[in-house]
Protein backbone atom coordinates (compact mmCIF):
# COMPACT_ATOMS: atom_id res chain seq x y z
CA MET A 1 -32.61 -24.54 3.50
CA GLY A 2 -31.14 -21.18 4.52
CA ARG A 3 -27.46 -20.09 4.27
CA ASN A 4 -26.75 -20.69 8.15
CA THR A 5 -27.71 -24.49 7.67
CA ARG A 6 -26.25 -25.48 4.54
CA LYS A 7 -23.48 -27.92 4.33
CA ARG A 8 -19.76 -26.94 3.61
CA ARG A 9 -18.57 -28.10 0.23
CA THR A 10 -15.11 -29.64 0.25
CA PRO A 11 -12.12 -27.37 -0.87
CA MET A 12 -11.80 -29.19 -4.33
CA ALA A 13 -15.39 -28.68 -4.95
CA THR A 14 -15.15 -24.86 -4.02
CA LYS A 15 -12.03 -24.82 -6.24
CA ALA A 16 -13.77 -26.20 -9.27
CA ILE A 17 -16.79 -23.99 -8.85
CA ALA A 18 -14.51 -20.94 -8.27
CA ALA A 19 -12.51 -21.75 -11.37
CA SER A 20 -15.56 -22.30 -13.50
CA ALA A 21 -16.83 -18.90 -12.45
CA ALA A 22 -13.64 -17.30 -13.12
CA LEU A 23 -13.40 -18.52 -16.73
CA ALA A 24 -16.95 -16.99 -17.36
CA LEU A 25 -15.80 -13.49 -16.04
CA GLY A 26 -12.79 -13.33 -18.28
CA GLY A 27 -9.29 -12.09 -17.62
CA GLY A 28 -9.45 -10.77 -14.18
CA GLY A 29 -11.26 -13.87 -12.80
CA LEU A 30 -8.97 -16.31 -14.57
CA ILE A 31 -5.76 -14.88 -12.91
CA TRP A 32 -7.71 -15.20 -9.51
CA ALA A 33 -8.65 -18.91 -10.35
CA ASN A 34 -5.06 -19.72 -11.37
CA PHE A 35 -3.50 -18.23 -8.35
CA TYR A 36 -6.06 -19.78 -6.20
CA ALA A 37 -5.46 -23.45 -7.71
CA SER A 38 -1.67 -22.96 -7.49
CA ALA A 39 -1.96 -21.59 -3.87
CA HIS A 40 -4.16 -24.88 -2.82
CA GLU A 41 -2.61 -27.67 -4.79
CA GLU A 42 -0.52 -28.63 -1.78
CA ASN A 43 -0.99 -27.64 1.95
CA SER A 44 -1.10 -24.08 2.09
CA ALA A 45 0.09 -24.10 5.66
CA ASN A 46 3.34 -25.88 4.61
CA GLN A 47 3.78 -23.60 1.69
CA THR A 48 3.56 -20.34 3.43
CA LYS A 49 5.62 -21.59 6.61
CA SER A 50 8.53 -22.60 4.29
CA ALA A 51 8.37 -19.52 2.31
CA GLY A 52 10.20 -17.16 4.75
CA ALA A 53 9.96 -13.82 3.35
CA GLN A 54 7.34 -14.53 0.82
CA VAL A 55 4.74 -14.66 3.76
CA ALA A 56 2.83 -11.33 3.76
CA THR A 57 0.54 -11.84 6.57
CA ILE A 58 -1.04 -14.29 9.29
CA GLN A 59 -4.02 -16.11 9.02
CA CYS A 60 -5.73 -17.68 11.90
CA PRO A 61 -9.09 -19.53 12.42
CA ASP A 62 -11.78 -16.96 13.34
CA VAL A 63 -12.85 -18.23 16.65
CA GLY A 64 -15.68 -15.74 17.30
CA GLN A 65 -17.44 -16.83 14.10
CA ASN A 66 -17.38 -20.33 15.19
CA LEU A 67 -19.01 -19.60 18.67
CA THR A 68 -22.78 -19.88 18.04
CA ASP A 69 -24.00 -20.70 21.05
CA VAL A 70 -22.36 -18.82 24.25
CA PRO A 71 -24.60 -18.37 27.42
CA ASP A 72 -25.45 -15.02 28.31
CA GLY A 73 -23.55 -15.16 31.69
CA ALA A 74 -20.24 -15.90 29.67
CA ARG A 75 -20.57 -13.11 26.88
CA GLN A 76 -18.51 -10.69 28.58
CA GLY A 77 -15.51 -12.87 29.46
CA VAL A 78 -15.70 -14.48 25.96
CA ASP A 79 -15.87 -11.14 24.25
CA LYS A 80 -12.76 -9.88 26.08
CA GLU A 81 -10.87 -13.07 25.01
CA LEU A 82 -11.88 -12.71 21.54
CA ALA A 83 -10.55 -9.20 21.56
CA ASN A 84 -7.59 -10.49 23.20
CA LEU A 85 -6.97 -12.95 20.29
CA ASP A 86 -7.36 -10.02 17.62
CA LYS A 87 -4.61 -8.24 19.62
CA GLN A 88 -2.36 -11.38 19.64
CA ILE A 89 -2.72 -11.74 15.81
CA SER A 90 -2.16 -7.93 15.42
CA GLU A 91 1.08 -7.96 17.64
CA ALA A 92 2.38 -11.03 15.72
CA TYR A 93 1.79 -9.39 12.32
CA THR A 94 3.78 -6.20 13.36
CA ARG A 95 6.78 -8.82 14.16
CA LEU A 96 6.30 -10.30 10.87
CA ALA A 97 6.38 -7.12 8.96
CA SER A 98 9.32 -5.76 11.09
CA THR A 99 11.75 -8.93 10.54
CA ARG A 100 11.79 -9.28 6.89
CA GLN A 101 15.69 -9.41 6.99
CA ALA A 102 15.91 -12.15 9.55
CA GLN A 103 13.13 -14.22 7.43
CA ALA A 104 15.22 -13.92 4.36
CA GLY A 105 18.09 -15.43 6.22
CA ASP A 106 16.27 -18.19 8.02
CA SER A 107 13.59 -20.24 6.53
CA GLY A 108 12.16 -21.58 9.84
CA PHE A 109 11.92 -17.92 11.34
CA VAL A 110 8.36 -17.30 10.62
CA ASN A 111 7.37 -20.59 12.05
CA ASN A 112 9.74 -20.61 14.98
CA ALA A 113 9.79 -17.08 16.18
CA ILE A 114 6.33 -15.60 15.19
CA LEU A 115 3.82 -18.41 14.51
CA GLY A 116 5.08 -20.90 17.38
CA PRO A 117 4.73 -18.21 19.97
CA LEU A 118 1.32 -17.10 18.71
CA LYS A 119 0.01 -20.42 18.79
CA SER A 120 1.02 -20.60 22.70
CA LYS A 121 -0.75 -17.27 23.52
CA ARG A 122 -3.73 -18.40 21.51
CA THR A 123 -4.01 -21.76 23.11
CA ALA A 124 -4.14 -19.75 26.60
CA ALA A 125 -6.86 -17.34 25.46
CA ILE A 126 -9.10 -20.21 23.84
CA ASP A 127 -8.74 -22.19 27.02
CA ARG A 128 -10.01 -19.24 28.93
CA ILE A 129 -12.79 -18.98 26.44
CA GLY A 130 -13.94 -22.72 27.13
CA ILE A 131 -13.69 -22.03 31.07
CA ASN A 132 -15.80 -18.90 30.68
CA ILE A 133 -18.50 -21.20 28.84
CA LYS A 134 -18.21 -23.88 30.86
CA ARG A 135 -18.33 -21.95 34.24
CA VAL A 136 -22.09 -21.23 33.38
CA GLY A 137 -22.99 -24.42 32.47
CA GLY A 138 -22.41 -24.04 28.55
CA GLN A 139 -20.63 -26.40 26.12
CA ALA A 140 -17.84 -25.23 24.11
CA PRO A 141 -17.31 -26.28 20.64
CA ASP A 142 -15.31 -29.60 20.53
CA ASN A 143 -12.81 -28.38 17.88
CA LEU A 144 -12.13 -25.09 19.83
CA ALA A 145 -8.56 -26.17 20.86
CA GLN A 146 -7.85 -26.86 17.17
CA MET A 147 -8.01 -23.18 16.40
CA ALA A 148 -4.99 -22.27 18.08
CA GLU A 149 -2.64 -22.74 15.15
CA CYS A 150 -2.16 -19.93 12.71
CA GLN A 151 -0.29 -20.10 9.39
CA GLY A 152 1.66 -17.71 7.15
CA MET A 153 -0.30 -16.57 4.23
CA ALA A 154 0.93 -14.85 0.72
CA ALA A 155 -0.88 -11.83 -0.16
CA ASP A 156 -1.90 -13.64 -3.38
CA ALA A 157 -3.45 -16.67 -1.55
CA ASN A 158 -7.03 -17.20 -1.50
CA THR A 159 -9.22 -18.77 1.22
CA THR A 160 -12.43 -19.39 -0.22
CA ASP A 161 -12.17 -22.99 0.84
CA GLY A 162 -13.26 -21.72 4.25
CA GLN A 163 -10.19 -23.28 6.19
CA ALA A 164 -9.18 -20.12 7.64
CA GLY A 165 -12.30 -19.48 9.77
CA GLY A 166 -12.48 -23.18 11.10
CA ASP A 167 -15.25 -24.96 9.44
CA GLN A 168 -16.63 -22.11 7.75
CA ASN A 169 -19.98 -22.88 5.61
CA GLN A 170 -19.20 -22.04 2.09
CA ASP A 171 -22.07 -23.68 0.28
CA GLY A 172 -24.59 -21.81 -1.72
CA GLN A 173 -21.85 -19.14 -2.31
CA ASN A 174 -21.41 -18.14 -5.94
CA GLN A 175 -17.52 -17.30 -5.72
CA ASP A 176 -17.60 -16.05 -9.55
CA GLY A 177 -14.11 -15.17 -9.81
CA GLN A 178 -13.52 -13.01 -6.97
CA ASP A 179 -9.63 -12.42 -6.43
CA GLN A 180 -10.20 -12.36 -2.75
CA GLY A 181 -9.17 -8.98 -2.08
CA GLY A 182 -7.45 -7.73 -5.08
CA GLN A 183 -4.06 -9.41 -4.49
CA ASP A 184 -1.14 -8.16 -5.93
CA GLN A 185 -0.21 -11.00 -8.56
CA GLY A 186 3.69 -11.54 -8.65
CA GLN A 187 4.65 -9.05 -6.11
CA ASP A 188 6.02 -9.87 -2.56
CA GLN A 189 3.31 -8.33 -0.28
CA GLY A 190 5.35 -8.76 2.86
CA GLY A 191 5.21 -4.81 3.43
CA GLN A 192 9.04 -4.80 3.65
CA ASP A 193 10.82 -1.82 2.15
CA GLN A 194 13.45 -3.81 0.22
CA GLY A 195 13.86 -1.62 -2.65
CA GLN A 196 15.45 1.77 -3.75
CA ASP A 197 15.59 4.87 -1.51
CA GLN A 198 13.96 7.01 -4.47
CA GLY A 199 16.49 9.83 -3.46
CA GLY A 200 14.93 10.09 -0.02
CA GLN A 201 11.56 11.08 -1.43
CA ASP A 202 8.41 9.69 0.20
CA GLN A 203 6.63 9.50 -3.44
CA GLY A 204 3.47 10.46 -1.87
CA GLY A 205 3.74 8.46 1.21
CA GLN A 206 3.89 5.11 -0.66
CA ASP A 207 6.46 2.33 -0.18
CA GLN A 208 8.17 2.47 -3.41
CA GLY A 209 10.45 -0.48 -2.55
CA GLN A 210 10.54 -3.50 -5.09
CA GLY A 211 8.16 -5.88 -4.08
CA GLY A 212 6.70 -3.84 -1.24
CA ASN A 213 2.92 -4.12 -0.29
CA GLY A 214 2.58 -0.32 -0.87
CA GLY A 215 0.81 1.78 1.59
CA GLN A 216 2.54 4.49 3.76
CA ASP A 217 2.73 2.25 6.60
CA GLY A 218 3.61 -0.70 4.52
CA ASN A 219 0.85 -2.97 5.10
CA GLY A 220 -1.30 -1.78 1.87
CA PRO A 221 -3.13 -0.96 -0.38
CA ALA A 222 -1.01 -2.35 -3.19
CA ALA A 223 -1.64 -1.30 -6.90
CA ALA A 224 -3.44 -4.55 -7.47
CA ASP A 225 -5.97 -3.70 -5.02
CA PHE A 226 -7.42 -0.94 -7.50
CA VAL A 227 -9.33 -1.21 -10.91
CA ASN A 228 -10.48 1.12 -13.29
CA ILE A 229 -14.50 1.31 -13.33
CA GLU A 230 -14.36 1.10 -17.15
CA ASP A 231 -12.97 -2.41 -16.79
CA VAL A 232 -15.58 -3.52 -14.54
CA GLN A 233 -18.28 -5.28 -16.40
CA PRO A 234 -21.91 -4.03 -15.72
CA ASN A 235 -23.92 -6.31 -13.41
CA SER A 236 -21.19 -8.27 -12.53
CA ARG A 237 -21.48 -8.43 -8.77
CA ASN A 238 -20.84 -11.76 -7.86
CA LEU A 239 -21.16 -12.07 -3.86
CA PRO A 240 -24.73 -13.59 -2.82
CA ASN A 241 -24.42 -11.59 0.25
CA GLY A 242 -26.10 -8.15 0.48
CA LEU A 243 -28.41 -8.75 -2.17
CA ALA A 244 -30.98 -5.85 -2.58
CA SER A 245 -34.39 -7.21 -1.38
CA ASN A 246 -36.76 -4.34 -2.84
CA GLY A 247 -38.38 -5.32 -6.00
CA ASP A 248 -41.66 -4.99 -7.98
CA GLY A 249 -43.68 -7.45 -5.60
CA GLY A 250 -44.07 -7.80 -1.81
CA SER A 251 -43.63 -4.62 0.01
CA THR A 252 -42.23 -1.83 -2.16
CA GLY A 253 -42.32 1.20 -0.30
CA THR A 254 -39.23 2.93 1.18
CA PHE A 255 -38.15 4.97 4.37
CA THR A 256 -35.20 7.29 4.19
CA THR A 257 -33.53 8.64 7.26
CA ASN A 258 -31.10 11.75 6.94
CA CYS A 259 -28.40 11.54 9.82
CA GLY A 260 -25.44 13.45 8.06
CA VAL A 261 -22.04 12.43 7.15
CA ASN A 262 -20.49 12.84 10.44
CA GLU A 263 -19.65 16.53 10.39
CA ASN A 264 -19.20 16.20 14.02
CA GLU A 265 -16.24 13.86 13.44
CA ASN A 266 -17.46 11.63 15.91
CA ARG A 267 -15.00 8.52 15.68
CA ASN A 268 -13.44 5.83 17.76
CA SER A 269 -11.65 2.54 17.27
CA ASP A 270 -14.34 0.64 19.39
CA ASN A 271 -16.95 -1.79 18.50
CA VAL A 272 -19.63 -2.21 20.95
CA ILE A 273 -21.34 -5.00 19.11
CA VAL A 274 -18.20 -7.28 18.76
CA ALA A 275 -15.99 -5.98 21.60
CA PRO A 276 -18.37 -4.51 24.24
CA GLY A 277 -16.18 -3.12 27.26
CA VAL A 278 -13.01 -3.34 25.19
CA SER A 279 -11.21 0.15 24.40
CA ASN A 280 -9.71 -0.26 20.85
CA GLY A 281 -11.65 -3.41 20.27
CA ALA A 282 -11.93 -2.77 16.38
CA GLN A 283 -8.23 -1.62 15.75
CA HIS A 284 -9.61 0.84 13.06
CA GLN A 285 -11.56 4.03 13.00
CA HIS A 286 -15.32 4.14 12.67
CA ASP A 287 -17.42 6.93 11.41
CA TYR A 288 -20.69 7.32 13.57
CA VAL A 289 -23.63 8.90 12.23
CA GLY A 290 -27.08 8.84 14.15
CA ASN A 291 -26.54 8.18 17.77
CA GLN A 292 -23.58 10.26 19.54
CA ASN A 293 -23.15 7.90 22.52
CA ASN A 294 -21.78 4.82 20.66
CA ASN A 295 -18.30 3.45 22.17
CA ALA A 296 -17.16 0.27 23.50
CA PHE A 297 -18.88 0.92 27.07
CA ALA A 298 -22.22 2.30 25.75
CA SER A 299 -25.18 0.12 27.26
CA ASP A 300 -28.34 -0.25 25.38
CA GLU A 301 -29.83 2.51 28.11
CA ASP A 302 -26.97 4.78 26.88
CA LEU A 303 -27.86 4.39 23.27
CA GLU A 304 -31.81 4.94 23.94
CA ASN A 305 -30.80 8.04 25.75
CA GLY A 306 -28.28 9.31 23.33
CA GLU A 307 -28.31 12.39 21.25
CA THR A 308 -28.84 11.89 17.47
CA THR A 309 -27.67 13.66 14.19
CA CYS A 310 -30.74 12.43 12.63
CA GLN A 311 -33.11 15.03 11.41
CA ASN A 312 -35.85 12.80 12.47
CA GLN A 313 -35.23 12.71 16.33
CA ALA A 314 -37.07 9.63 16.79
CA ASP A 315 -34.31 7.74 14.85
CA LYS A 316 -31.50 7.20 17.73
CA SER A 317 -30.18 4.37 15.77
CA THR A 318 -26.50 4.09 15.34
CA TYR A 319 -24.78 3.59 11.87
CA PHE A 320 -21.02 3.02 11.68
CA TRP A 321 -18.49 1.96 9.12
CA PRO A 322 -14.64 2.05 9.00
CA VAL A 323 -13.11 5.44 7.86
CA ILE A 324 -11.75 5.90 4.25
CA ARG A 325 -8.05 7.74 4.44
CA ILE A 326 -6.14 9.05 1.73
CA GLN A 327 -2.63 8.18 1.64
CA ASP A 328 -1.02 11.17 0.50
CA GLY A 329 1.92 11.09 2.86
CA SER A 330 -0.06 13.05 5.54
CA ASP A 331 -1.12 12.13 8.65
CA ASP A 332 -4.33 12.58 10.67
CA ILE A 333 -4.69 13.22 14.55
CA ASP A 334 -4.48 9.66 15.37
CA ALA A 335 -1.14 9.12 13.75
CA GLY A 336 0.58 7.67 16.98
CA GLN A 337 -2.56 6.40 18.60
CA PRO A 338 -4.56 2.90 18.90
CA GLY A 339 -7.00 2.48 16.00
CA GLY A 340 -4.66 4.89 13.92
CA GLY A 341 -1.08 4.80 13.25
CA GLN A 342 -0.20 2.26 16.10
CA ASP A 343 -2.49 -0.19 14.29
CA GLY A 344 -1.29 0.57 10.73
CA ASN A 345 -4.06 2.94 9.88
CA VAL A 346 -2.34 6.09 8.41
CA GLY A 347 -3.34 8.97 6.18
CA LYS A 348 -5.96 11.68 6.13
CA ILE A 349 -9.62 10.53 7.17
CA VAL A 350 -12.16 11.78 4.64
CA GLU A 351 -15.65 12.16 5.63
CA PRO A 352 -18.37 11.16 3.13
CA ALA A 353 -19.67 13.78 0.63
CA GLN A 354 -22.87 11.77 1.06
CA ALA A 355 -24.48 9.42 3.26
CA GLU A 356 -27.81 7.85 2.41
CA LEU A 357 -29.64 5.58 4.46
CA LYS A 358 -32.67 3.84 3.19
CA PHE A 359 -34.85 1.12 4.50
CA VAL A 360 -36.71 -0.99 1.76
CA GLY A 361 -38.99 -3.81 1.81
CA ASN A 362 -39.27 -7.46 0.66
CA ARG A 363 -39.85 -8.90 -3.00
CA THR A 364 -42.23 -11.55 -1.61
CA SER A 365 -43.80 -10.24 1.56
CA ASP A 366 -44.71 -7.77 3.90
CA VAL A 367 -41.89 -6.74 6.53
CA VAL A 368 -42.33 -6.76 10.47
CA ALA A 369 -40.91 -4.26 12.58
CA MET A 370 -37.33 -4.53 13.93
CA PRO A 371 -37.19 -5.02 17.66
CA LYS A 372 -35.30 -2.36 19.72
CA ALA A 373 -31.54 -2.92 20.10
CA LEU A 374 -31.42 -5.10 17.15
CA ARG A 375 -27.72 -5.51 16.19
CA ILE A 376 -26.55 -6.41 12.51
CA ILE A 377 -22.92 -6.53 11.22
CA THR A 378 -22.83 -6.80 7.27
CA GLY A 379 -19.59 -7.61 5.59
CA ASP A 380 -16.52 -9.08 7.30
CA ALA A 381 -13.43 -7.14 8.70
CA LYS A 382 -11.34 -10.14 8.44
CA ALA A 383 -12.41 -11.27 5.00
CA PHE A 384 -8.90 -11.32 3.44
CA THR A 385 -7.82 -14.15 5.84
CA ASN A 386 -11.44 -15.64 6.52
CA GLY A 387 -12.65 -16.19 2.92
CA LEU A 388 -15.69 -14.75 1.27
CA ASN A 389 -18.30 -16.45 3.54
CA ASN A 390 -19.50 -13.35 4.99
CA ALA A 391 -18.21 -10.84 2.70
CA ASN A 392 -20.15 -8.30 1.34
CA THR A 393 -18.70 -5.36 -0.51
CA SER A 394 -19.56 -3.08 -3.21
CA TRP A 395 -17.31 -0.49 -4.73
CA SER A 396 -18.22 1.72 -7.68
CA CYS A 397 -18.39 5.19 -8.98
CA THR A 398 -21.14 7.84 -9.55
CA GLY A 399 -22.38 7.33 -13.03
CA PHE A 400 -21.32 3.90 -13.27
CA GLU A 401 -23.20 2.27 -10.33
CA ASP A 402 -24.45 -0.58 -12.70
CA ARG A 403 -20.88 -1.64 -12.21
CA GLN A 404 -19.79 -3.13 -8.83
CA SER A 405 -16.49 -4.33 -7.84
CA THR A 406 -16.39 -6.60 -4.81
CA ASP A 407 -12.61 -7.09 -4.38
CA LYS A 408 -10.93 -4.09 -5.75
CA TYR A 409 -11.20 -0.37 -4.85
CA THR A 410 -12.70 1.78 -7.92
CA ILE A 411 -10.61 4.25 -9.66
CA CYS A 412 -13.27 6.80 -11.00
CA PRO A 413 -12.90 9.13 -14.10
CA GLU A 414 -12.70 13.00 -13.75
CA GLY A 415 -16.10 14.17 -12.49
CA SER A 416 -16.95 10.93 -10.66
CA SER A 417 -16.72 9.91 -7.10
CA VAL A 418 -16.25 6.70 -5.34
CA VAL A 419 -19.38 5.07 -3.99
CA ARG A 420 -19.49 2.36 -1.10
CA THR A 421 -22.68 0.29 -0.86
CA SER A 422 -23.90 -1.94 1.82
CA ASN A 423 -27.18 -3.91 1.62
CA PHE A 424 -27.77 -5.42 5.01
CA GLN A 425 -29.31 -8.83 6.31
CA SER A 426 -33.25 -8.37 5.87
CA CYS A 427 -34.35 -11.67 7.60
CA TRP A 428 -34.62 -12.02 11.42
CA ASP A 429 -35.15 -15.29 13.48
CA GLY A 430 -38.05 -13.29 15.23
CA GLN A 431 -36.45 -13.75 18.84
CA ASN A 432 -32.89 -12.40 19.13
CA ILE A 433 -31.51 -8.94 19.12
CA ASP A 434 -27.79 -10.54 18.83
CA SER A 435 -26.31 -13.88 18.65
CA ALA A 436 -22.89 -15.38 19.96
CA ASN A 437 -21.27 -14.77 16.59
CA HIS A 438 -23.22 -11.75 15.67
CA ARG A 439 -24.50 -13.41 12.73
CA THR A 440 -26.85 -16.38 13.11
CA HIS A 441 -29.92 -14.18 14.61
CA VAL A 442 -30.23 -12.61 10.84
CA ASP A 443 -29.67 -13.77 7.41
CA PHE A 444 -29.82 -12.59 3.98
CA VAL A 445 -32.60 -12.82 1.78
CA GLU A 446 -32.60 -16.04 -0.73
CA ALA A 447 -32.10 -15.40 -4.57
CA ASP A 448 -35.87 -14.70 -4.98
CA GLY A 449 -35.99 -12.30 -2.36
CA SER A 450 -37.33 -14.79 0.26
CA CYS A 451 -36.58 -15.42 3.96
CA SER A 452 -35.76 -19.18 4.89
CA ASN A 453 -35.80 -21.19 7.83
CA GLY A 454 -38.79 -19.56 9.28
CA PHE A 455 -37.05 -16.18 9.50
CA LYS A 456 -39.05 -12.91 9.09
CA ALA A 457 -38.59 -10.23 6.80
CA ILE A 458 -37.78 -6.90 8.25
CA PRO A 459 -36.90 -3.50 6.53
CA GLN A 460 -33.56 -3.86 4.63
CA LEU A 461 -31.11 -0.97 5.56
CA GLN A 462 -29.46 0.03 2.51
CA VAL A 463 -26.28 2.41 3.05
CA ARG A 464 -24.75 4.40 0.22
CA LEU A 465 -21.60 6.36 0.92
CA VAL A 466 -20.13 8.78 -1.59
CA TYR A 467 -16.42 10.21 -1.47
CA ASP A 468 -14.75 12.84 -3.28
CA VAL A 469 -11.25 11.50 -3.31
CA PRO A 470 -8.50 12.08 -5.94
CA ALA A 471 -8.13 9.15 -8.35
CA PRO A 472 -5.16 7.03 -7.24
CA GLN A 473 -2.17 7.15 -9.82
CA ILE A 474 -0.51 3.87 -10.83
CA ASN A 475 2.84 3.87 -12.29
CA ASN A 476 5.34 1.00 -12.77
CA GLY A 477 3.29 -1.20 -10.49
CA GLN A 478 3.30 1.26 -7.58
CA VAL A 479 0.24 3.09 -6.46
CA GLN A 480 0.34 6.82 -5.31
CA ASN A 481 -2.28 8.87 -3.38
CA ALA A 482 -4.26 5.62 -2.82
CA PHE A 483 -7.28 5.65 -0.55
CA ALA A 484 -8.50 2.59 1.72
CA VAL A 485 -10.55 1.65 4.23
CA ASP A 486 -9.18 1.16 7.98
CA SER A 487 -8.63 -2.58 8.82
CA PHE A 488 -6.91 -4.56 11.14
CA PRO A 489 -3.18 -4.44 10.28
CA GLU A 490 -2.84 -8.08 9.17
CA GLN A 491 -5.80 -7.68 6.68
CA LEU A 492 -3.54 -5.38 4.40
CA HIS A 493 -6.51 -2.69 4.02
CA LYS A 494 -8.07 -4.93 1.20
CA PRO A 495 -11.26 -3.63 -0.25
CA ILE A 496 -12.73 -7.10 0.49
CA THR A 497 -12.58 -6.32 4.39
CA ASP A 498 -15.17 -3.57 4.11
CA HIS A 499 -18.04 -3.71 6.49
CA ASN A 500 -20.78 -1.76 8.10
CA ASP A 501 -22.81 -1.66 11.42
CA PHE A 502 -26.26 -0.96 12.49
CA ILE A 503 -28.04 -1.12 16.05
CA ASN A 504 -31.80 -0.09 16.01
CA PHE A 505 -33.10 2.61 18.14
CA PHE A 506 -35.77 3.89 16.43
CA GLU A 507 -38.92 4.85 18.67
CA GLU A 508 -41.39 2.09 18.51
CA ASN A 509 -43.85 4.29 16.86
CA THR A 510 -41.59 5.52 14.22
CA MET A 511 -40.50 1.88 13.69
CA ASN A 512 -44.16 0.98 13.08
CA GLU A 513 -44.55 3.91 10.69
CA MET A 514 -41.83 2.75 8.83
CA VAL A 515 -43.29 -0.87 8.39
CA GLN A 516 -46.69 0.52 7.48
CA CYS A 517 -45.19 2.78 4.89
CA ILE A 518 -43.02 0.35 3.34
CA ASN A 519 -45.83 -2.37 3.03
CA ASN A 520 -48.00 0.15 1.68
CA GLY A 521 -45.66 0.71 -1.20
CA GLU A 522 -45.04 4.68 -0.19
CA ASN A 523 -41.76 6.56 0.09
CA CYS A 524 -41.35 8.01 3.36
CA GLN A 525 -38.87 9.91 5.48
């Protein structure tokens, strides 16, 4: 059976699998398993709510991921309410990060002053979602109202039992010792600057306070979010999502499109897939290559008629991903703007040195054409609080790409550059260009490369981004000149939250040429 239909394992079963896999990986995985076990030995909500100042961020059920059947007539209203839920969490996180002193003096402060009011706001928004669905004859999930309550979360907590995202499906996932976002073991990640003044020096824009979460805005990244590439074991990538579907059998060709590295600096903090019609719906900046008309208000017609940066002008597809910033104490032009400094995304934006966009075949069969306007999101911008169900991250370095880190940013040796790789879902349900949760109309290949549940194999988009960034320096548990992806503020800029987006607007003839090229085993562009 396919990944979308498997039954979810119990938290205890998932814990046993994760701990076993961690032992197989060695030291780093063992630490992760120990933290995971301790964090979930008792009810994590009670633990974190009573922890006061130890609460680093806020963990809420991901309502959008649980809405798998929303009538078309309700989509616009539902999408706006989902964006409103994201904004509510961000505002609550901002209050959490700015009230550390009050939390230290009152063990009930987080629950009473932050989580309680947040639940009330979420209840109202979730009610409006249900009304939107029912108004057009749809049926809202029975457990929708239960998703209003959030909990405090320590930065070394793990959520691989799926509780954070409602009833998330974890079955079939090989957790293999992931430490869920490179958590900082033993540090209070609250983002507070409780430490020494360091003589008034900024120290490269990093929060040098004892127990701080690092990052020049106080919400990450932290030293423990990084790993030297030499310390990553070869062939150790453990997330089942994002398997490369190309191989020796089936359809072995490739089709490469060259769309540049965003030399135009075309960026915004919208997401037309997840939050259409909502300005700053992503709360973090995206780099756009290919289609130049992409913003929250772009219709399919706008995109189809847009300009493109692709050398092949028949490719008007849009490719976009969260920007990388260097936190060296400097600011970019969005320092005081939504999606930038207002949402905890600070530092100098760095465009890729290379952006390679390649479509490949399927190991077991021919591929069929993608439908025009097909939308695919790979990875999960909320994976730190949601768990690994939809996470799909690969961090590496040039010259070391047999070593892939899924939960830590990689520190590369001199002469080597940071690499981000995304292998997209390459199985399609044969009918829909999108789905209510933007997930269920596409799926990843199975371990043998095949598609399940009657899904059809389509060309797999593989995005490889290379960045020339200075190697961060870690001294005494503090990181200087860190780099990190933009994120929702409560996600603490964890590397596990990396994601990538694609909307197909190849001209039909060119898409057919791509399919023929791949099925014939040719390498085309």
